[in-house]
Amino acid sequence: MKKSLLILLDYFIITMGTFLMAIGLVLFLEPYTIAPGGVTGLAIVIRKLSGIPIDVTNLVVNIPLFIGGLVVLGKKFGIKTAYATIALSASIRFIYTFFDVEMFHINDMLLVAIYGGVIMGVGIGLVFKTGGTTGGTDLAGAILHKFFPHISIPKLMMFLDLLIVFASGVVERKLETALYSIIALYIVVKIADSIIEGLNYAKEFIIISDKYEEIGKAIINNMQRGATVLKSQGLYTGKEKNVLLCIVSRAEVATLKKLIQEIDEKAFVTVNSVHEVMGEGFEKK
């Protein structure tokens, strides 16, 4: 029962994600021919040239890509990708039918690129978070990688996306359109990455100190956090050292720094950003 609910939740999230993508595309980006890469960006360019609606192009291009993916890559892309592709076209058609696009007219193209990119990025991030994709250049890149294994998938995707971005400027005959498309593409990628990686950023402390035991006990007693002792060896001295590894929330960074300073002013400390933490004291998976 629980597994069935989780599956339903995944498809609900995909539906919401594709609907947000459709809003970003139809109400913000498409009216200005801002094409942030991908099949949807290509669909915007084709719409400008031929008038074919972007939901139709999205299906026409993605269906053979999906079939090609099954043939070349196997079944790993699965039903979620097929559902997301159909849901995106259905969402676009819904907005075409029930929304007055003219009401959302914005004169500032920079605002359009930013807000369209943010909304679309959140939508794509939600779809990717469930393990699905919307087809497009990620699938095309994976297929091409099979034939050009010396070129990585991200590089192939970037090449395809940049071609589409460049095409938006060509069809509009404006360099500015291509530049705004690059801005939108960058925002889409960064927002999607933030959704996928999680927003519960934390900090990782690596502490090298002869007083590691005292520091470790203080972390446990004063901060109610755990710490791990790692065995290491100094390359220059050859001496064995004990290194403390501790993860804390952003709000606890200053507290831990002060605690270490009070116990050992000579402690060697590095602090790194951690994008996602799951487990006791943090987010549960």
C-alpha atoms as a PDB file:
ATOM      1  CA  MET A   1       0.000   0.000   0.000  1.00  0.00           C
ATOM      2  CA  LYS A   2       2.782   2.401   0.979  1.00  0.00           C
ATOM      3  CA  LYS A   3       4.692   1.622  -2.242  1.00  0.00           C
ATOM      4  CA  SER A   4       1.570   2.343  -4.312  1.00  0.00           C
ATOM      5  CA  LEU A   5       1.122   5.717  -2.584  1.00  0.00           C
ATOM      6  CA  LEU A   6       4.766   6.622  -3.251  1.00  0.00           C
ATOM      7  CA  ILE A   7       4.335   5.745  -6.942  1.00  0.00           C
ATOM      8  CA  LEU A   8       1.179   7.885  -7.116  1.00  0.00           C
ATOM      9  CA  LEU A   9       3.031  10.717  -5.389  1.00  0.00           C
ATOM     10  CA  ASP A  10       5.821  10.501  -8.005  1.00  0.00           C
ATOM     11  CA  TYR A  11       3.314  10.839 -10.843  1.00  0.00           C
ATOM     12  CA  PHE A  12       1.550  13.708  -9.071  1.00  0.00           C
ATOM     13  CA  ILE A  13       4.916  15.512  -8.748  1.00  0.00           C
ATOM     14  CA  ILE A  14       5.669  14.858 -12.436  1.00  0.00           C
ATOM     15  CA  THR A  15       2.251  16.301 -13.348  1.00  0.00           C
ATOM     16  CA  MET A  16       2.869  19.427 -11.265  1.00  0.00           C
ATOM     17  CA  GLY A  17       6.384  19.753 -12.677  1.00  0.00           C
ATOM     18  CA  THR A  18       5.268  19.525 -16.306  1.00  0.00           C
ATOM     19  CA  PHE A  19       2.471  22.017 -15.623  1.00  0.00           C
ATOM     20  CA  LEU A  20       4.999  24.514 -14.246  1.00  0.00           C
ATOM     21  CA  MET A  21       7.196  23.914 -17.291  1.00  0.00           C
ATOM     22  CA  ALA A  22       4.211  24.646 -19.530  1.00  0.00           C
ATOM     23  CA  ILE A  23       3.510  27.912 -17.684  1.00  0.00           C
ATOM     24  CA  GLY A  24       7.123  29.038 -18.087  1.00  0.00           C
ATOM     25  CA  LEU A  25       7.114  28.131 -21.771  1.00  0.00           C
ATOM     26  CA  VAL A  26       3.729  29.394 -22.946  1.00  0.00           C
ATOM     27  CA  LEU A  27       3.227  32.466 -20.774  1.00  0.00           C
ATOM     28  CA  PHE A  28       6.808  33.738 -20.582  1.00  0.00           C
ATOM     29  CA  LEU A  29       9.332  32.346 -23.064  1.00  0.00           C
ATOM     30  CA  GLU A  30       7.444  31.422 -26.241  1.00  0.00           C
ATOM     31  CA  PRO A  31       5.900  34.880 -26.953  1.00  0.00           C
ATOM     32  CA  TYR A  32       9.433  36.324 -27.180  1.00  0.00           C
ATOM     33  CA  THR A  33      11.056  33.322 -28.967  1.00  0.00           C
ATOM     34  CA  ILE A  34      13.336  32.789 -25.975  1.00  0.00           C
ATOM     35  CA  ALA A  35      14.444  29.166 -26.422  1.00  0.00           C
ATOM     36  CA  PRO A  36      16.279  27.728 -23.371  1.00  0.00           C
ATOM     37  CA  GLY A  37      17.592  24.654 -25.169  1.00  0.00           C
ATOM     38  CA  GLY A  38      15.970  21.232 -25.260  1.00  0.00           C
ATOM     39  CA  VAL A  39      13.137  19.983 -27.432  1.00  0.00           C
ATOM     40  CA  THR A  40      10.831  22.632 -25.975  1.00  0.00           C
ATOM     41  CA  GLY A  41      13.291  25.320 -27.073  1.00  0.00           C
ATOM     42  CA  LEU A  42      13.401  23.752 -30.530  1.00  0.00           C
ATOM     43  CA  ALA A  43       9.592  23.737 -30.523  1.00  0.00           C
ATOM     44  CA  ILE A  44       9.588  27.491 -29.825  1.00  0.00           C
ATOM     45  CA  VAL A  45      11.887  28.077 -32.814  1.00  0.00           C
ATOM     46  CA  ILE A  46       9.708  25.891 -35.067  1.00  0.00           C
ATOM     47  CA  ARG A  47       6.595  27.727 -33.851  1.00  0.00           C
ATOM     48  CA  LYS A  48       8.172  31.009 -34.923  1.00  0.00           C
ATOM     49  CA  LEU A  49       9.032  29.624 -38.376  1.00  0.00           C
ATOM     50  CA  SER A  50       5.928  27.567 -39.174  1.00  0.00           C
ATOM     51  CA  GLY A  51       3.235  28.313 -36.591  1.00  0.00           C
ATOM     52  CA  ILE A  52       3.118  24.670 -35.428  1.00  0.00           C
ATOM     53  CA  PRO A  53       2.096  24.645 -31.717  1.00  0.00           C
ATOM     54  CA  ILE A  54       4.892  23.694 -29.318  1.00  0.00           C
ATOM     55  CA  ASP A  55       2.880  20.857 -27.751  1.00  0.00           C
ATOM     56  CA  VAL A  56       2.653  19.149 -31.167  1.00  0.00           C
ATOM     57  CA  THR A  57       6.377  19.562 -31.881  1.00  0.00           C
ATOM     58  CA  ASN A  58       7.224  18.311 -28.391  1.00  0.00           C
ATOM     59  CA  LEU A  59       5.399  15.035 -29.074  1.00  0.00           C
ATOM     60  CA  VAL A  60       6.510  14.652 -32.696  1.00  0.00           C
ATOM     61  CA  VAL A  61      10.199  15.048 -31.776  1.00  0.00           C
ATOM     62  CA  ASN A  62      10.161  13.171 -28.460  1.00  0.00           C
ATOM     63  CA  ILE A  63       8.285  10.057 -29.598  1.00  0.00           C
ATOM     64  CA  PRO A  64      11.008   8.926 -32.056  1.00  0.00           C
ATOM     65  CA  LEU A  65      13.660   9.986 -29.519  1.00  0.00           C
ATOM     66  CA  PHE A  66      11.989   7.809 -26.892  1.00  0.00           C
ATOM     67  CA  ILE A  67      11.749   4.847 -29.294  1.00  0.00           C
ATOM     68  CA  GLY A  68      15.386   5.385 -30.257  1.00  0.00           C
ATOM     69  CA  GLY A  69      16.292   5.430 -26.571  1.00  0.00           C
ATOM     70  CA  LEU A  70      14.557   2.102 -26.004  1.00  0.00           C
ATOM     71  CA  VAL A  71      16.368   0.554 -28.968  1.00  0.00           C
ATOM     72  CA  VAL A  72      19.836   1.991 -28.272  1.00  0.00           C
ATOM     73  CA  LEU A  73      19.824   2.312 -24.470  1.00  0.00           C
ATOM     74  CA  GLY A  74      17.307  -0.283 -23.317  1.00  0.00           C
ATOM     75  CA  LYS A  75      14.353   0.177 -20.970  1.00  0.00           C
ATOM     76  CA  LYS A  76      16.074   2.234 -18.287  1.00  0.00           C
ATOM     77  CA  PHE A  77      14.278   5.471 -19.249  1.00  0.00           C
ATOM     78  CA  GLY A  78      10.989   3.729 -18.514  1.00  0.00           C
ATOM     79  CA  ILE A  79       7.410   4.769 -18.286  1.00  0.00           C
ATOM     80  CA  LYS A  80       8.050   7.958 -16.272  1.00  0.00           C
ATOM     81  CA  THR A  81       9.779   9.599 -19.230  1.00  0.00           C
ATOM     82  CA  ALA A  82       6.904   8.642 -21.541  1.00  0.00           C
ATOM     83  CA  TYR A  83       4.356   9.972 -19.030  1.00  0.00           C
ATOM     84  CA  ALA A  84       6.282  13.232 -18.484  1.00  0.00           C
ATOM     85  CA  THR A  85       6.545  13.835 -22.253  1.00  0.00           C
ATOM     86  CA  ILE A  86       2.787  13.348 -22.745  1.00  0.00           C
ATOM     87  CA  ALA A  87       1.929  15.333 -19.591  1.00  0.00           C
ATOM     88  CA  LEU A  88       4.035  18.281 -20.784  1.00  0.00           C
ATOM     89  CA  SER A  89       2.259  18.448 -24.154  1.00  0.00           C
ATOM     90  CA  ALA A  90      -1.124  18.062 -22.416  1.00  0.00           C
ATOM     91  CA  SER A  91      -0.264  20.885 -19.984  1.00  0.00           C
ATOM     92  CA  ILE A  92       0.798  23.160 -22.847  1.00  0.00           C
ATOM     93  CA  ARG A  93      -2.468  22.436 -24.675  1.00  0.00           C
ATOM     94  CA  PHE A  94      -4.438  23.115 -21.461  1.00  0.00           C
ATOM     95  CA  ILE A  95      -2.799  26.547 -21.067  1.00  0.00           C
ATOM     96  CA  TYR A  96      -3.367  27.359 -24.746  1.00  0.00           C
ATOM     97  CA  THR A  97      -7.062  26.528 -24.278  1.00  0.00           C
ATOM     98  CA  PHE A  98      -7.906  28.067 -20.913  1.00  0.00           C
ATOM     99  CA  PHE A  99      -5.420  30.926 -20.436  1.00  0.00           C
ATOM    100  CA  ASP A 100      -5.366  34.294 -22.158  1.00  0.00           C
ATOM    101  CA  VAL A 101      -1.696  34.596 -23.068  1.00  0.00           C
ATOM    102  CA  GLU A 102      -2.088  38.283 -23.978  1.00  0.00           C
ATOM    103  CA  MET A 103      -2.934  39.097 -20.347  1.00  0.00           C
ATOM    104  CA  PHE A 104       0.588  38.063 -19.350  1.00  0.00           C
ATOM    105  CA  HIS A 105       2.351  40.345 -21.820  1.00  0.00           C
ATOM    106  CA  ILE A 106       5.571  41.766 -20.336  1.00  0.00           C
ATOM    107  CA  ASN A 107       7.664  44.368 -22.114  1.00  0.00           C
ATOM    108  CA  ASP A 108      10.930  43.639 -20.306  1.00  0.00           C
ATOM    109  CA  MET A 109      12.645  40.627 -21.971  1.00  0.00           C
ATOM    110  CA  LEU A 110      15.143  40.272 -19.123  1.00  0.00           C
ATOM    111  CA  LEU A 111      12.278  39.764 -16.649  1.00  0.00           C
ATOM    112  CA  VAL A 112      10.722  37.267 -19.057  1.00  0.00           C
ATOM    113  CA  ALA A 113      13.981  35.296 -19.336  1.00  0.00           C
ATOM    114  CA  ILE A 114      14.511  35.289 -15.551  1.00  0.00           C
ATOM    115  CA  TYR A 115      11.000  34.390 -14.407  1.00  0.00           C
ATOM    116  CA  GLY A 116      10.379  32.006 -17.294  1.00  0.00           C
ATOM    117  CA  GLY A 117      13.671  30.291 -16.498  1.00  0.00           C
ATOM    118  CA  VAL A 118      12.885  30.049 -12.776  1.00  0.00           C
ATOM    119  CA  ILE A 119       9.408  28.572 -13.289  1.00  0.00           C
ATOM    120  CA  MET A 120      10.624  26.147 -15.935  1.00  0.00           C
ATOM    121  CA  GLY A 121      13.650  25.183 -13.816  1.00  0.00           C
ATOM    122  CA  VAL A 122      11.451  24.340 -10.823  1.00  0.00           C
ATOM    123  CA  GLY A 123       9.247  22.221 -13.090  1.00  0.00           C
ATOM    124  CA  ILE A 124      12.156  20.310 -14.641  1.00  0.00           C
ATOM    125  CA  GLY A 125      13.725  19.835 -11.205  1.00  0.00           C
ATOM    126  CA  LEU A 126      10.530  18.265  -9.859  1.00  0.00           C
ATOM    127  CA  VAL A 127      10.367  15.851 -12.815  1.00  0.00           C
ATOM    128  CA  PHE A 128      14.045  14.882 -12.429  1.00  0.00           C
ATOM    129  CA  LYS A 129      13.599  14.502  -8.654  1.00  0.00           C
ATOM    130  CA  THR A 130      11.204  11.584  -9.252  1.00  0.00           C
ATOM    131  CA  GLY A 131      13.666   9.846 -11.581  1.00  0.00           C
ATOM    132  CA  GLY A 132      11.846  10.865 -14.764  1.00  0.00           C
ATOM    133  CA  THR A 133      12.868  13.084 -17.662  1.00  0.00           C
ATOM    134  CA  THR A 134      10.987  14.967 -20.349  1.00  0.00           C
ATOM    135  CA  GLY A 135      13.045  13.418 -23.145  1.00  0.00           C
ATOM    136  CA  GLY A 136      14.751  16.112 -25.152  1.00  0.00           C
ATOM    137  CA  THR A 137      18.483  16.776 -25.374  1.00  0.00           C
ATOM    138  CA  ASP A 138      19.333  14.610 -22.342  1.00  0.00           C
ATOM    139  CA  LEU A 139      17.918  11.594 -24.198  1.00  0.00           C
ATOM    140  CA  ALA A 140      19.384  12.721 -27.537  1.00  0.00           C
ATOM    141  CA  GLY A 141      22.781  13.224 -25.860  1.00  0.00           C
ATOM    142  CA  ALA A 142      22.677   9.735 -24.365  1.00  0.00           C
ATOM    143  CA  ILE A 143      21.834   8.210 -27.769  1.00  0.00           C
ATOM    144  CA  LEU A 144      24.583  10.166 -29.574  1.00  0.00           C
ATOM    145  CA  HIS A 145      27.075   9.135 -26.880  1.00  0.00           C
ATOM    146  CA  LYS A 146      26.632   5.525 -27.989  1.00  0.00           C
ATOM    147  CA  PHE A 147      27.902   6.499 -31.437  1.00  0.00           C
ATOM    148  CA  PHE A 148      30.477   9.051 -30.228  1.00  0.00           C
ATOM    149  CA  PRO A 149      31.758   7.523 -26.943  1.00  0.00           C
ATOM    150  CA  HIS A 150      34.783   9.860 -26.883  1.00  0.00           C
ATOM    151  CA  ILE A 151      32.426  12.818 -26.284  1.00  0.00           C
ATOM    152  CA  SER A 152      30.683  12.986 -22.898  1.00  0.00           C
ATOM    153  CA  ILE A 153      26.881  13.201 -22.610  1.00  0.00           C
ATOM    154  CA  PRO A 154      26.946  16.666 -20.911  1.00  0.00           C
ATOM    155  CA  LYS A 155      29.104  18.039 -23.755  1.00  0.00           C
ATOM    156  CA  LEU A 156      26.746  16.621 -26.378  1.00  0.00           C
ATOM    157  CA  MET A 157      23.754  18.082 -24.514  1.00  0.00           C
ATOM    158  CA  MET A 158      25.458  21.474 -24.245  1.00  0.00           C
ATOM    159  CA  PHE A 159      26.256  21.425 -27.980  1.00  0.00           C
ATOM    160  CA  LEU A 160      22.618  20.625 -28.885  1.00  0.00           C
ATOM    161  CA  ASP A 161      21.261  23.240 -26.472  1.00  0.00           C
ATOM    162  CA  LEU A 162      23.598  25.929 -27.810  1.00  0.00           C
ATOM    163  CA  LEU A 163      22.518  25.133 -31.377  1.00  0.00           C
ATOM    164  CA  ILE A 164      18.891  25.699 -30.357  1.00  0.00           C
ATOM    165  CA  VAL A 165      19.767  28.895 -28.484  1.00  0.00           C
ATOM    166  CA  PHE A 166      21.647  30.186 -31.544  1.00  0.00           C
ATOM    167  CA  ALA A 167      18.667  29.246 -33.760  1.00  0.00           C
ATOM    168  CA  SER A 168      16.361  31.459 -31.647  1.00  0.00           C
ATOM    169  CA  GLY A 169      18.525  34.471 -32.479  1.00  0.00           C
ATOM    170  CA  VAL A 170      18.638  33.542 -36.179  1.00  0.00           C
ATOM    171  CA  VAL A 171      14.851  33.214 -36.608  1.00  0.00           C
ATOM    172  CA  GLU A 172      14.270  36.475 -34.735  1.00  0.00           C
ATOM    173  CA  ARG A 173      17.208  38.119 -36.518  1.00  0.00           C
ATOM    174  CA  LYS A 174      18.277  39.561 -33.182  1.00  0.00           C
ATOM    175  CA  LEU A 175      21.452  38.723 -31.278  1.00  0.00           C
ATOM    176  CA  GLU A 176      19.657  39.852 -28.107  1.00  0.00           C
ATOM    177  CA  THR A 177      17.177  36.976 -28.382  1.00  0.00           C
ATOM    178  CA  ALA A 178      19.997  34.426 -28.363  1.00  0.00           C
ATOM    179  CA  LEU A 179      21.618  36.180 -25.392  1.00  0.00           C
ATOM    180  CA  TYR A 180      18.352  36.192 -23.424  1.00  0.00           C
ATOM    181  CA  SER A 181      17.933  32.508 -24.306  1.00  0.00           C
ATOM    182  CA  ILE A 182      21.353  31.798 -22.794  1.00  0.00           C
ATOM    183  CA  ILE A 183      20.280  33.584 -19.595  1.00  0.00           C
ATOM    184  CA  ALA A 184      17.076  31.524 -19.446  1.00  0.00           C
ATOM    185  CA  LEU A 185      19.007  28.278 -20.104  1.00  0.00           C
ATOM    186  CA  TYR A 186      21.496  29.057 -17.314  1.00  0.00           C
ATOM    187  CA  ILE A 187      18.704  29.805 -14.832  1.00  0.00           C
ATOM    188  CA  VAL A 188      16.782  26.645 -15.799  1.00  0.00           C
ATOM    189  CA  VAL A 189      19.878  24.492 -15.179  1.00  0.00           C
ATOM    190  CA  LYS A 190      20.807  26.138 -11.851  1.00  0.00           C
ATOM    191  CA  ILE A 191      17.258  26.031 -10.453  1.00  0.00           C
ATOM    192  CA  ALA A 192      16.760  22.420 -11.577  1.00  0.00           C
ATOM    193  CA  ASP A 193      20.068  21.451  -9.934  1.00  0.00           C
ATOM    194  CA  SER A 194      18.965  23.116  -6.673  1.00  0.00           C
ATOM    195  CA  ILE A 195      15.682  21.181  -6.667  1.00  0.00           C
ATOM    196  CA  ILE A 196      17.421  17.868  -7.436  1.00  0.00           C
ATOM    197  CA  GLU A 197      20.224  18.296  -4.893  1.00  0.00           C
ATOM    198  CA  GLY A 198      17.936  19.646  -2.195  1.00  0.00           C
ATOM    199  CA  LEU A 199      17.850  22.985  -0.464  1.00  0.00           C
ATOM    200  CA  ASN A 200      18.963  21.772   2.983  1.00  0.00           C
ATOM    201  CA  TYR A 201      22.552  22.921   2.570  1.00  0.00           C
ATOM    202  CA  ALA A 202      24.854  21.977   5.417  1.00  0.00           C
ATOM    203  CA  LYS A 203      28.546  22.386   6.267  1.00  0.00           C
ATOM    204  CA  GLU A 204      31.183  19.693   6.607  1.00  0.00           C
ATOM    205  CA  PHE A 205      33.986  20.295   9.114  1.00  0.00           C
ATOM    206  CA  ILE A 206      37.274  18.397   8.848  1.00  0.00           C
ATOM    207  CA  ILE A 207      39.220  19.018  12.051  1.00  0.00           C
ATOM    208  CA  ILE A 208      42.871  18.036  12.605  1.00  0.00           C
ATOM    209  CA  SER A 209      43.884  18.496  16.235  1.00  0.00           C
ATOM    210  CA  ASP A 210      45.840  16.718  18.970  1.00  0.00           C
ATOM    211  CA  LYS A 211      42.846  17.485  21.192  1.00  0.00           C
ATOM    212  CA  TYR A 212      40.407  15.684  18.902  1.00  0.00           C
ATOM    213  CA  GLU A 213      38.865  13.686  21.761  1.00  0.00           C
ATOM    214  CA  GLU A 214      38.066  16.814  23.767  1.00  0.00           C
ATOM    215  CA  ILE A 215      36.629  18.548  20.695  1.00  0.00           C
ATOM    216  CA  GLY A 216      34.572  15.459  19.821  1.00  0.00           C
ATOM    217  CA  LYS A 217      33.088  15.243  23.317  1.00  0.00           C
ATOM    218  CA  ALA A 218      32.251  18.966  23.246  1.00  0.00           C
ATOM    219  CA  ILE A 219      30.453  18.522  19.888  1.00  0.00           C
ATOM    220  CA  ILE A 220      28.380  15.666  21.332  1.00  0.00           C
ATOM    221  CA  ASN A 221      27.629  17.310  24.696  1.00  0.00           C
ATOM    222  CA  ASN A 222      27.257  20.976  23.708  1.00  0.00           C
ATOM    223  CA  MET A 223      25.783  20.694  20.209  1.00  0.00           C
ATOM    224  CA  GLN A 224      24.070  17.294  20.309  1.00  0.00           C
ATOM    225  CA  ARG A 225      25.808  16.419  17.061  1.00  0.00           C
ATOM    226  CA  GLY A 226      27.812  13.346  16.153  1.00  0.00           C
ATOM    227  CA  ALA A 227      31.379  13.211  14.881  1.00  0.00           C
ATOM    228  CA  THR A 228      33.491  10.541  13.190  1.00  0.00           C
ATOM    229  CA  VAL A 229      37.169   9.821  13.829  1.00  0.00           C
ATOM    230  CA  LEU A 230      39.161   9.141  10.659  1.00  0.00           C
ATOM    231  CA  LYS A 231      42.622   7.586  10.759  1.00  0.00           C
ATOM    232  CA  SER A 232      45.206   9.512   8.722  1.00  0.00           C
ATOM    233  CA  GLN A 233      48.943   9.979   8.330  1.00  0.00           C
ATOM    234  CA  GLY A 234      50.908  13.169   7.841  1.00  0.00           C
ATOM    235  CA  LEU A 235      52.814  12.966   4.551  1.00  0.00           C
ATOM    236  CA  TYR A 236      55.692  15.168   5.725  1.00  0.00           C
ATOM    237  CA  THR A 237      56.133  13.862   9.299  1.00  0.00           C
ATOM    238  CA  GLY A 238      54.893  10.312   8.706  1.00  0.00           C
ATOM    239  CA  LYS A 239      53.035  10.502  12.027  1.00  0.00           C
ATOM    240  CA  GLU A 240      49.575   9.008  12.424  1.00  0.00           C
ATOM    241  CA  LYS A 241      46.823  11.505  13.098  1.00  0.00           C
ATOM    242  CA  ASN A 242      43.174  11.303  14.092  1.00  0.00           C
ATOM    243  CA  VAL A 243      40.889  13.546  12.050  1.00  0.00           C
ATOM    244  CA  LEU A 244      37.373  14.541  13.099  1.00  0.00           C
ATOM    245  CA  LEU A 245      34.598  14.692  10.518  1.00  0.00           C
ATOM    246  CA  CYS A 246      31.420  16.536  11.529  1.00  0.00           C
ATOM    247  CA  ILE A 247      28.362  17.768   9.610  1.00  0.00           C
ATOM    248  CA  VAL A 248      26.361  20.694  10.996  1.00  0.00           C
ATOM    249  CA  SER A 249      23.604  22.990   9.771  1.00  0.00           C
ATOM    250  CA  ARG A 250      24.442  26.471   8.521  1.00  0.00           C
ATOM    251  CA  ALA A 251      23.089  27.972  11.723  1.00  0.00           C
ATOM    252  CA  GLU A 252      25.583  25.940  13.788  1.00  0.00           C
ATOM    253  CA  VAL A 253      28.724  26.910  11.853  1.00  0.00           C
ATOM    254  CA  ALA A 254      29.677  29.857  14.073  1.00  0.00           C
ATOM    255  CA  THR A 255      29.025  27.825  17.242  1.00  0.00           C
ATOM    256  CA  LEU A 256      31.318  24.988  16.129  1.00  0.00           C
ATOM    257  CA  LYS A 257      34.070  27.392  15.045  1.00  0.00           C
ATOM    258  CA  LYS A 258      33.986  29.067  18.451  1.00  0.00           C
ATOM    259  CA  LEU A 259      33.987  25.715  20.251  1.00  0.00           C
ATOM    260  CA  ILE A 260      37.086  24.528  18.334  1.00  0.00           C
ATOM    261  CA  GLN A 261      38.909  27.818  18.987  1.00  0.00           C
ATOM    262  CA  GLU A 262      38.227  27.603  22.718  1.00  0.00           C
ATOM    263  CA  ILE A 263      39.683  24.080  22.948  1.00  0.00           C
ATOM    264  CA  ASP A 264      42.576  24.263  20.466  1.00  0.00           C
ATOM    265  CA  GLU A 265      43.596  27.510  18.800  1.00  0.00           C
ATOM    266  CA  LYS A 266      46.129  25.633  16.661  1.00  0.00           C
ATOM    267  CA  ALA A 267      43.575  23.174  15.206  1.00  0.00           C
ATOM    268  CA  PHE A 268      43.648  22.862  11.420  1.00  0.00           C
ATOM    269  CA  VAL A 269      40.061  23.152  10.150  1.00  0.00           C
ATOM    270  CA  THR A 270      38.494  23.052   6.688  1.00  0.00           C
ATOM    271  CA  VAL A 271      34.828  23.852   6.056  1.00  0.00           C
ATOM    272  CA  ASN A 272      33.033  22.587   2.945  1.00  0.00           C
ATOM    273  CA  SER A 273      29.505  23.054   1.632  1.00  0.00           C
ATOM    274  CA  VAL A 274      27.305  19.943   1.537  1.00  0.00           C
ATOM    275  CA  HIS A 275      24.304  20.144  -0.784  1.00  0.00           C
ATOM    276  CA  GLU A 276      22.211  17.392   0.751  1.00  0.00           C
ATOM    277  CA  VAL A 277      22.302  15.484   4.043  1.00  0.00           C
ATOM    278  CA  MET A 278      20.075  12.585   5.001  1.00  0.00           C
ATOM    279  CA  GLY A 279      20.130  10.713   8.268  1.00  0.00           C
ATOM    280  CA  GLU A 280      19.802  11.282  12.001  1.00  0.00           C
ATOM    281  CA  GLY A 281      19.543  14.957  12.862  1.00  0.00           C
ATOM    282  CA  PHE A 282      18.929  15.903   9.245  1.00  0.00           C
ATOM    283  CA  GLU A 283      16.416  15.129   6.485  1.00  0.00           C
ATOM    284  CA  LYS A 284      14.958  11.628   6.446  1.00  0.00           C
ATOM    285  CA  LYS A 285      14.995   9.942   3.032  1.00  0.00           C
END
